[in-house]
Amino acid sequence: MEFQMIAKTFLGLEEVLASELKALGARAIQIERRAVSFSGNTELLYKANLCCRCASRILKPIAAFEANSPDQLYRRAKKIAWEDLLTIEQSFAIDATVYSEYFKHSKFAAYRLKDAIADRFNEKYGKRPSVQLEAPDIRLNLHISQQHCTLSLDSSGSSLHKRGYRTGQGEAPLNEALAAGMLLMAGWQGQTDFVDPMCGSGTLLIEAALIALNIPPGIFRSEFAFEKWKDFDKELFEQLYNDDSQERSFSGKIYGSDASGTVLKTALRNIKSAGLDRYIELSKASIEDMEAPTKNCLIVTNPPYGERIVSEDLFGLYASLGSLFKHRFAGSTAWVISSHKECLAQIGLKPSRKIRLLNGALDCSYNRYDLFAGKHKQHMASRPSGE
């Protein structure tokens, strides 16, 4: 039986996530702000949690109604058969998002929903489930837009970007879902070698390897919230979890370098935790001293922005990055993300594409640079007509 679902994501990754869901067999796909709605069955819900690289969580709506006050929310929510969804012995927690003039505080809306669930159980059984904010058995999501209230079961639990392979991180780690989205936007499928000249704790390297090998990112997680649902199909989930028929071989190489030996040690631990050390090669080198380990590759990197990591010469760092691209990676394609437009200008290359992304709270530009030998005019003149 098919039902509606909502995949939450980060700003700028909606279209990439929609493509992922389509490939998994989702129907009725609609792109929303920081979310993609779709329909499918229980198998697809499990697959979306296991396989979607750009999703933060998968929600299953269970009720929608109009309410113009917390008390009306309470009355409507109390009519829902919560006993079909959780037991008295299970704990629950509520995440509330509110955009409404009728509900001033999201915590109070969540509090009234909690009251409705508790009172329904008390009236039917004389006992009620407990609220547990950390690691609850059942996680509920309340979304209020003006008077429209949507209640959903959160099938994921902790955010899906928390893959489970990370044993340590640098000072400003890239969100795993954002890293995967950046790679998919760059067209990465493992068709060439890959380079990150400022790899930090290795997030882009690991996500690149997972995509190249088509390994589901969810296999590293210890659990999903749907495993505690009353209708959890353990046999179906284990079948999907253990199915490696979609994995593929990768004959290329993934190279990462960084000026800090300390963060490279962290990167190596993360890479080994993911079981990918045979595909990834690390080296210690500054941007100025780095030699190209391969030719005609894809380069994706996340240099310091000067926000959380302060470089002594940030402009010089970006200028050196541009010099590295021009003189040692001709024939390759490079993508760079940064919130610092003045720094990006120091690269000294004209981007062929710019994409707006959010890295945490930072408004960033994700720029593509087509690297070629000689001058731009000569390159354009040498291209076949019609390109």
Protein backbone atom coordinates (compact mmCIF):
# COMPACT_ATOMS: atom_id res chain seq x y z
CA MET A 1 0.00 0.00 0.00
CA GLU A 2 1.34 3.41 -0.97
CA PHE A 3 1.38 6.44 1.32
CA GLN A 4 2.79 9.96 1.32
CA MET A 5 6.24 10.74 2.67
CA ILE A 6 8.39 13.84 3.09
CA ALA A 7 12.17 13.82 2.77
CA LYS A 8 13.77 16.75 4.56
CA THR A 9 17.03 18.18 3.25
CA PHE A 10 19.28 21.25 3.31
CA LEU A 11 18.71 24.41 1.26
CA GLY A 12 19.99 23.95 -2.27
CA LEU A 13 19.92 20.15 -2.30
CA GLU A 14 16.22 19.71 -3.10
CA GLU A 15 16.60 18.86 -6.81
CA VAL A 16 19.45 16.42 -6.19
CA LEU A 17 17.36 14.66 -3.54
CA ALA A 18 14.37 14.53 -5.91
CA SER A 19 16.58 12.77 -8.49
CA GLU A 20 17.72 10.27 -5.86
CA LEU A 21 14.14 9.48 -4.87
CA LYS A 22 13.07 9.08 -8.51
CA ALA A 23 15.89 6.57 -9.04
CA LEU A 24 14.61 4.60 -6.03
CA GLY A 25 11.12 4.38 -7.56
CA ALA A 26 9.32 7.23 -5.76
CA ARG A 27 6.11 8.57 -7.29
CA ALA A 28 4.26 11.89 -7.17
CA ILE A 29 7.51 13.76 -6.44
CA GLN A 30 7.17 17.45 -5.56
CA ILE A 31 10.04 19.77 -4.67
CA GLU A 32 9.42 22.03 -1.68
CA ARG A 33 11.64 24.34 0.38
CA ARG A 34 14.24 22.17 2.11
CA ALA A 35 12.08 19.12 1.43
CA VAL A 36 10.78 16.77 -1.23
CA SER A 37 7.35 15.13 -0.91
CA PHE A 38 6.71 11.80 -2.62
CA SER A 39 4.67 8.62 -2.38
CA GLY A 40 5.67 4.99 -2.09
CA ASN A 41 5.39 1.89 0.07
CA THR A 42 7.17 0.58 3.16
CA GLU A 43 10.03 -0.80 1.08
CA LEU A 44 10.66 2.66 -0.36
CA LEU A 45 10.60 4.21 3.12
CA TYR A 46 13.35 1.80 4.20
CA LYS A 47 15.30 2.38 0.95
CA ALA A 48 15.06 6.16 1.27
CA ASN A 49 16.61 5.99 4.74
CA LEU A 50 19.35 3.62 3.61
CA CYS A 51 20.20 5.12 0.22
CA CYS A 52 19.43 8.85 0.05
CA ARG A 53 22.71 10.74 0.32
CA CYS A 54 21.19 14.23 0.55
CA ALA A 55 18.28 13.65 2.95
CA SER A 56 18.34 14.63 6.62
CA ARG A 57 15.26 12.62 7.62
CA ILE A 58 12.24 10.81 6.13
CA LEU A 59 8.83 11.67 7.60
CA LYS A 60 5.58 9.70 7.29
CA PRO A 61 2.56 12.02 7.76
CA ILE A 62 -0.17 10.42 9.88
CA ALA A 63 -2.67 13.28 10.28
CA ALA A 64 -3.39 16.78 8.97
CA PHE A 65 -5.98 19.24 10.28
CA GLU A 66 -6.73 22.92 10.85
CA ALA A 67 -6.26 24.51 14.27
CA ASN A 68 -6.13 28.17 15.27
CA SER A 69 -5.10 27.77 18.91
CA PRO A 70 -3.08 25.40 21.14
CA ASP A 71 -6.31 24.17 22.74
CA GLN A 72 -7.82 23.34 19.35
CA LEU A 73 -4.59 21.53 18.46
CA TYR A 74 -5.02 19.52 21.68
CA ARG A 75 -8.63 18.56 20.88
CA ARG A 76 -7.88 17.52 17.29
CA ALA A 77 -4.74 15.58 18.23
CA LYS A 78 -6.53 13.73 21.04
CA LYS A 79 -8.88 12.13 18.50
CA ILE A 80 -5.97 10.37 16.78
CA ALA A 81 -5.60 6.66 17.59
CA TRP A 82 -2.14 7.01 19.13
CA GLU A 83 -2.44 3.52 20.63
CA ASP A 84 -2.06 2.15 17.09
CA LEU A 85 1.31 3.89 16.75
CA LEU A 86 3.02 3.41 20.11
CA THR A 87 2.66 1.37 23.27
CA ILE A 88 2.44 2.46 26.90
CA GLU A 89 5.91 1.04 27.49
CA GLN A 90 7.52 3.13 24.71
CA SER A 91 8.92 6.63 25.16
CA PHE A 92 8.34 9.46 22.68
CA ALA A 93 9.55 12.93 21.81
CA ILE A 94 8.12 15.72 19.65
CA ASP A 95 9.98 18.00 17.25
CA ALA A 96 7.89 21.07 16.41
CA THR A 97 8.32 23.62 13.62
CA VAL A 98 5.91 26.55 13.66
CA TYR A 99 5.29 29.33 11.12
CA SER A 100 2.05 30.84 12.41
CA GLU A 101 0.50 33.93 13.97
CA TYR A 102 -1.81 31.61 15.94
CA PHE A 103 0.99 29.69 17.65
CA LYS A 104 3.64 31.93 19.17
CA HIS A 105 5.89 29.26 20.65
CA SER A 106 6.83 25.93 19.07
CA LYS A 107 7.61 24.43 22.49
CA PHE A 108 4.10 25.21 23.77
CA ALA A 109 2.55 23.63 20.65
CA ALA A 110 4.65 20.52 21.29
CA TYR A 111 3.59 20.59 24.96
CA ARG A 112 -0.12 20.60 24.05
CA LEU A 113 0.40 17.75 21.60
CA LYS A 114 2.16 15.81 24.35
CA ASP A 115 -0.82 16.47 26.65
CA ALA A 116 -3.24 15.14 24.01
CA ILE A 117 -1.29 11.89 23.63
CA ALA A 118 -0.87 11.41 27.41
CA ASP A 119 -4.51 12.17 28.19
CA ARG A 120 -5.80 9.78 25.52
CA PHE A 121 -3.71 6.93 26.98
CA ASN A 122 -4.66 7.82 30.56
CA GLU A 123 -8.36 7.79 29.72
CA LYS A 124 -8.15 4.45 27.86
CA TYR A 125 -5.62 2.55 29.97
CA GLY A 126 -4.98 4.52 33.16
CA LYS A 127 -1.31 4.76 32.14
CA ARG A 128 0.64 6.73 29.56
CA PRO A 129 3.92 6.55 27.60
CA SER A 130 6.77 8.66 28.96
CA VAL A 131 8.43 11.59 27.25
CA GLN A 132 12.14 11.12 26.63
CA LEU A 133 14.02 13.86 24.79
CA GLU A 134 17.20 11.84 24.23
CA ALA A 135 16.92 8.64 22.16
CA PRO A 136 13.12 8.15 22.41
CA ASP A 137 11.51 5.02 21.01
CA ILE A 138 9.12 7.02 18.84
CA ARG A 139 9.94 10.46 17.43
CA LEU A 140 7.03 12.62 16.26
CA ASN A 141 7.18 15.69 14.04
CA LEU A 142 4.70 18.56 14.31
CA HIS A 143 4.68 21.12 11.50
CA ILE A 144 2.35 24.14 11.71
CA SER A 145 1.95 26.59 8.84
CA GLN A 146 -0.56 29.27 9.91
CA GLN A 147 -3.62 27.12 10.80
CA HIS A 148 -2.56 23.94 8.98
CA CYS A 149 -1.08 21.28 11.26
CA THR A 150 0.70 18.17 9.99
CA LEU A 151 1.68 15.34 12.33
CA SER A 152 4.26 12.84 11.14
CA LEU A 153 6.23 9.86 12.34
CA ASP A 154 9.97 10.47 11.99
CA SER A 155 11.31 7.26 10.45
CA SER A 156 14.99 8.23 10.67
CA GLY A 157 15.76 9.23 14.25
CA SER A 158 19.03 11.14 14.33
CA SER A 159 19.70 13.14 11.16
CA LEU A 160 20.65 10.98 8.19
CA HIS A 161 23.70 13.13 7.50
CA LYS A 162 25.22 11.48 10.58
CA ARG A 163 26.37 8.43 8.66
CA GLY A 164 28.14 6.66 11.49
CA TYR A 165 31.63 6.35 10.01
CA ARG A 166 33.05 9.54 11.53
CA THR A 167 35.40 8.90 14.46
CA GLY A 168 36.71 12.47 14.62
CA GLN A 169 36.50 15.78 12.81
CA GLY A 170 38.41 18.96 12.06
CA GLU A 171 37.51 22.44 13.24
CA ALA A 172 34.92 23.13 10.51
CA PRO A 173 33.76 19.77 9.09
CA LEU A 174 31.55 19.65 6.03
CA ASN A 175 28.10 18.16 6.58
CA GLU A 176 28.08 14.69 4.98
CA ALA A 177 24.79 15.25 3.14
CA LEU A 178 26.04 18.58 1.79
CA ALA A 179 29.30 16.95 0.68
CA ALA A 180 27.38 14.21 -1.16
CA GLY A 181 25.09 16.78 -2.76
CA MET A 182 28.06 18.83 -3.96
CA LEU A 183 29.60 15.73 -5.54
CA LEU A 184 26.36 14.74 -7.27
CA MET A 185 25.92 18.32 -8.56
CA ALA A 186 29.43 18.08 -9.98
CA GLY A 187 28.37 14.95 -11.89
CA TRP A 188 30.58 12.61 -9.88
CA GLN A 189 29.83 8.91 -10.36
CA GLY A 190 33.36 7.50 -10.17
CA GLN A 191 34.17 7.97 -13.85
CA THR A 192 37.61 9.57 -13.26
CA ASP A 193 40.14 10.04 -10.50
CA PHE A 194 39.13 12.45 -7.74
CA VAL A 195 41.19 15.04 -5.84
CA ASP A 196 40.54 17.18 -2.76
CA PRO A 197 43.65 19.33 -2.16
CA MET A 198 42.34 20.60 1.21
CA CYS A 199 40.66 17.47 2.49
CA GLY A 200 40.49 18.17 6.24
CA SER A 201 38.97 15.19 8.06
CA GLY A 202 38.09 13.49 4.76
CA THR A 203 34.34 13.95 4.33
CA LEU A 204 34.46 14.69 0.59
CA LEU A 205 36.88 11.80 0.03
CA ILE A 206 34.67 9.30 1.84
CA GLU A 207 31.45 10.48 0.22
CA ALA A 208 33.16 10.36 -3.20
CA ALA A 209 34.20 6.75 -2.59
CA LEU A 210 30.71 5.77 -1.43
CA ILE A 211 29.19 7.26 -4.60
CA ALA A 212 31.83 5.69 -6.87
CA LEU A 213 31.16 2.25 -5.36
CA ASN A 214 27.40 2.94 -5.02
CA ILE A 215 27.48 1.94 -1.36
CA PRO A 216 24.36 3.13 0.53
CA PRO A 217 25.38 5.74 3.13
CA GLY A 218 22.92 4.36 5.69
CA ILE A 219 24.70 1.03 6.18
CA PHE A 220 27.04 2.56 8.77
CA ARG A 221 24.22 3.65 11.09
CA SER A 222 23.48 1.65 14.23
CA GLU A 223 19.71 2.11 13.94
CA PHE A 224 16.76 3.88 12.32
CA ALA A 225 13.68 5.10 14.18
CA PHE A 226 11.33 2.92 12.11
CA GLU A 227 12.89 -0.20 13.65
CA LYS A 228 10.81 0.52 16.79
CA TRP A 229 7.52 1.06 14.98
CA LYS A 230 4.73 -1.42 15.70
CA ASP A 231 4.51 -2.39 12.00
CA PHE A 232 8.29 -2.77 11.48
CA ASP A 233 9.00 -5.48 8.87
CA LYS A 234 12.33 -6.87 10.08
CA GLU A 235 12.63 -9.44 7.31
CA LEU A 236 12.11 -6.85 4.57
CA PHE A 237 14.59 -4.42 6.13
CA GLU A 238 17.29 -7.07 6.57
CA GLN A 239 16.81 -8.10 2.94
CA LEU A 240 17.32 -4.51 1.77
CA TYR A 241 20.19 -3.89 4.19
CA ASN A 242 22.10 -6.97 3.02
CA ASP A 243 21.44 -6.45 -0.70
CA ASP A 244 24.73 -5.44 -2.35
CA SER A 245 23.61 -6.13 -5.93
CA GLN A 246 23.67 -2.43 -6.82
CA GLU A 247 27.26 -1.89 -5.70
CA ARG A 248 29.80 -1.39 -8.50
CA SER A 249 33.56 -1.57 -9.01
CA PHE A 250 35.75 1.54 -9.05
CA SER A 251 39.07 1.37 -10.88
CA GLY A 252 40.09 4.96 -10.26
CA LYS A 253 41.78 6.55 -7.27
CA ILE A 254 40.73 9.20 -4.77
CA TYR A 255 43.46 11.55 -3.55
CA GLY A 256 43.34 13.84 -0.54
CA SER A 257 45.98 16.18 0.80
CA ASP A 258 46.19 18.77 3.55
CA ALA A 259 48.84 20.95 5.14
CA SER A 260 47.98 19.63 8.61
CA GLY A 261 49.29 16.25 9.63
CA THR A 262 46.89 16.23 12.59
CA VAL A 263 43.73 16.44 10.49
CA LEU A 264 45.16 13.88 8.06
CA LYS A 265 45.41 11.41 10.95
CA THR A 266 41.74 12.09 11.69
CA ALA A 267 40.89 11.64 8.00
CA LEU A 268 42.69 8.28 7.94
CA ARG A 269 40.75 7.07 10.98
CA ASN A 270 37.47 8.08 9.36
CA ILE A 271 38.42 6.44 6.06
CA LYS A 272 39.37 3.19 7.81
CA SER A 273 36.15 3.33 9.83
CA ALA A 274 34.26 3.40 6.52
CA GLY A 275 36.38 0.54 5.15
CA LEU A 276 37.55 2.61 2.18
CA ASP A 277 41.32 2.93 2.71
CA ARG A 278 42.14 0.85 -0.39
CA TYR A 279 40.50 3.49 -2.59
CA ILE A 280 41.79 6.68 -0.93
CA GLU A 281 45.36 7.95 -0.80
CA LEU A 282 46.40 10.73 1.59
CA SER A 283 49.44 13.01 1.49
CA LYS A 284 50.69 15.96 3.53
CA ALA A 285 51.24 19.06 1.38
CA SER A 286 50.42 22.74 1.33
CA ILE A 287 48.60 24.19 -1.67
CA GLU A 288 51.83 25.90 -2.77
CA ASP A 289 53.85 22.66 -2.69
CA MET A 290 51.25 20.20 -3.93
CA GLU A 291 51.97 18.20 -7.08
CA ALA A 292 49.12 16.85 -9.19
CA PRO A 293 48.78 13.12 -8.35
CA THR A 294 46.75 12.47 -11.51
CA LYS A 295 45.51 14.15 -14.69
CA ASN A 296 42.06 14.92 -16.12
CA CYS A 297 40.36 14.43 -12.80
CA LEU A 298 37.49 15.94 -10.83
CA ILE A 299 38.53 18.32 -8.04
CA VAL A 300 36.09 19.32 -5.29
CA THR A 301 37.29 21.22 -2.24
CA ASN A 302 36.08 23.19 0.76
CA PRO A 303 38.79 25.74 1.70
CA PRO A 304 38.67 27.88 4.86
CA TYR A 305 36.22 30.80 4.69
CA GLY A 306 37.73 32.89 7.48
CA GLU A 307 34.61 32.30 9.62
CA ARG A 308 35.55 29.46 11.97
CA ILE A 309 39.04 28.71 10.63
CA VAL A 310 41.24 31.80 10.35
CA SER A 311 44.16 31.62 7.91
CA GLU A 312 47.09 34.01 8.19
CA ASP A 313 46.71 34.94 4.50
CA LEU A 314 43.28 33.89 3.29
CA PHE A 315 43.49 35.83 0.00
CA GLY A 316 46.91 34.31 -0.67
CA LEU A 317 45.55 30.83 0.00
CA TYR A 318 42.82 31.22 -2.63
CA ALA A 319 45.31 32.78 -5.09
CA SER A 320 47.58 29.75 -4.59
CA LEU A 321 44.58 27.46 -5.16
CA GLY A 322 43.92 29.20 -8.48
CA SER A 323 47.59 28.87 -9.42
CA LEU A 324 47.50 25.16 -8.56
CA PHE A 325 44.46 24.68 -10.79
CA LYS A 326 45.94 26.58 -13.74
CA HIS A 327 49.46 25.19 -13.73
CA ARG A 328 49.08 21.61 -12.48
CA PHE A 329 45.55 20.47 -13.32
CA ALA A 330 44.97 21.55 -16.93
CA GLY A 331 42.30 19.35 -18.49
CA SER A 332 40.50 18.81 -15.20
CA THR A 333 37.32 20.29 -13.69
CA ALA A 334 37.35 21.96 -10.27
CA TRP A 335 34.55 22.92 -7.90
CA VAL A 336 35.09 25.20 -4.89
CA ILE A 337 32.62 26.18 -2.15
CA SER A 338 33.06 29.29 -0.02
CA SER A 339 31.03 31.94 1.78
CA HIS A 340 33.75 34.52 1.06
CA LYS A 341 33.14 36.07 -2.39
CA GLU A 342 36.26 38.22 -2.19
CA CYS A 343 38.32 35.08 -1.59
CA LEU A 344 36.75 33.26 -4.52
CA ALA A 345 37.70 36.21 -6.73
CA GLN A 346 41.36 35.61 -5.79
CA ILE A 347 41.27 32.25 -7.59
CA GLY A 348 41.62 34.31 -10.77
CA LEU A 349 39.47 32.05 -12.95
CA LYS A 350 36.03 32.73 -14.35
CA PRO A 351 33.53 30.17 -13.02
CA SER A 352 31.42 28.45 -15.66
CA ARG A 353 28.69 27.82 -13.10
CA LYS A 354 27.66 29.16 -9.69
CA ILE A 355 25.27 27.41 -7.29
CA ARG A 356 23.97 28.90 -4.05
CA LEU A 357 24.25 26.55 -1.08
CA LEU A 358 24.07 26.85 2.69
CA ASN A 359 26.92 25.39 4.71
CA GLY A 360 25.36 25.46 8.15
CA ALA A 361 24.23 29.07 8.53
CA LEU A 362 26.73 30.38 5.97
CA ASP A 363 25.44 31.52 2.57
CA CYS A 364 27.91 30.02 0.09
CA SER A 365 28.69 30.01 -3.60
CA TYR A 366 29.65 26.68 -5.13
CA ASN A 367 31.66 27.47 -8.26
CA ARG A 368 32.74 25.32 -11.19
CA TYR A 369 36.01 26.03 -13.01
CA ASP A 370 36.87 24.41 -16.34
CA LEU A 371 40.65 24.13 -16.36
CA PHE A 372 42.53 24.26 -19.64
CA ALA A 373 46.03 25.04 -20.89
CA GLY A 374 46.71 28.47 -22.39
CA LYS A 375 44.41 31.48 -22.47
CA HIS A 376 40.62 31.45 -22.34
CA LYS A 377 40.23 32.92 -25.86
CA GLN A 378 42.50 30.25 -27.34
CA HIS A 379 40.54 27.54 -25.53
CA MET A 380 37.21 28.86 -26.80
CA ALA A 381 38.56 29.14 -30.37
CA SER A 382 39.81 25.52 -30.26
CA ARG A 383 36.43 24.10 -29.25
CA PRO A 384 34.31 22.53 -32.00
CA SER A 385 31.47 24.76 -33.19
CA GLY A 386 28.17 24.11 -31.45
CA GLU A 387 29.73 23.38 -28.04
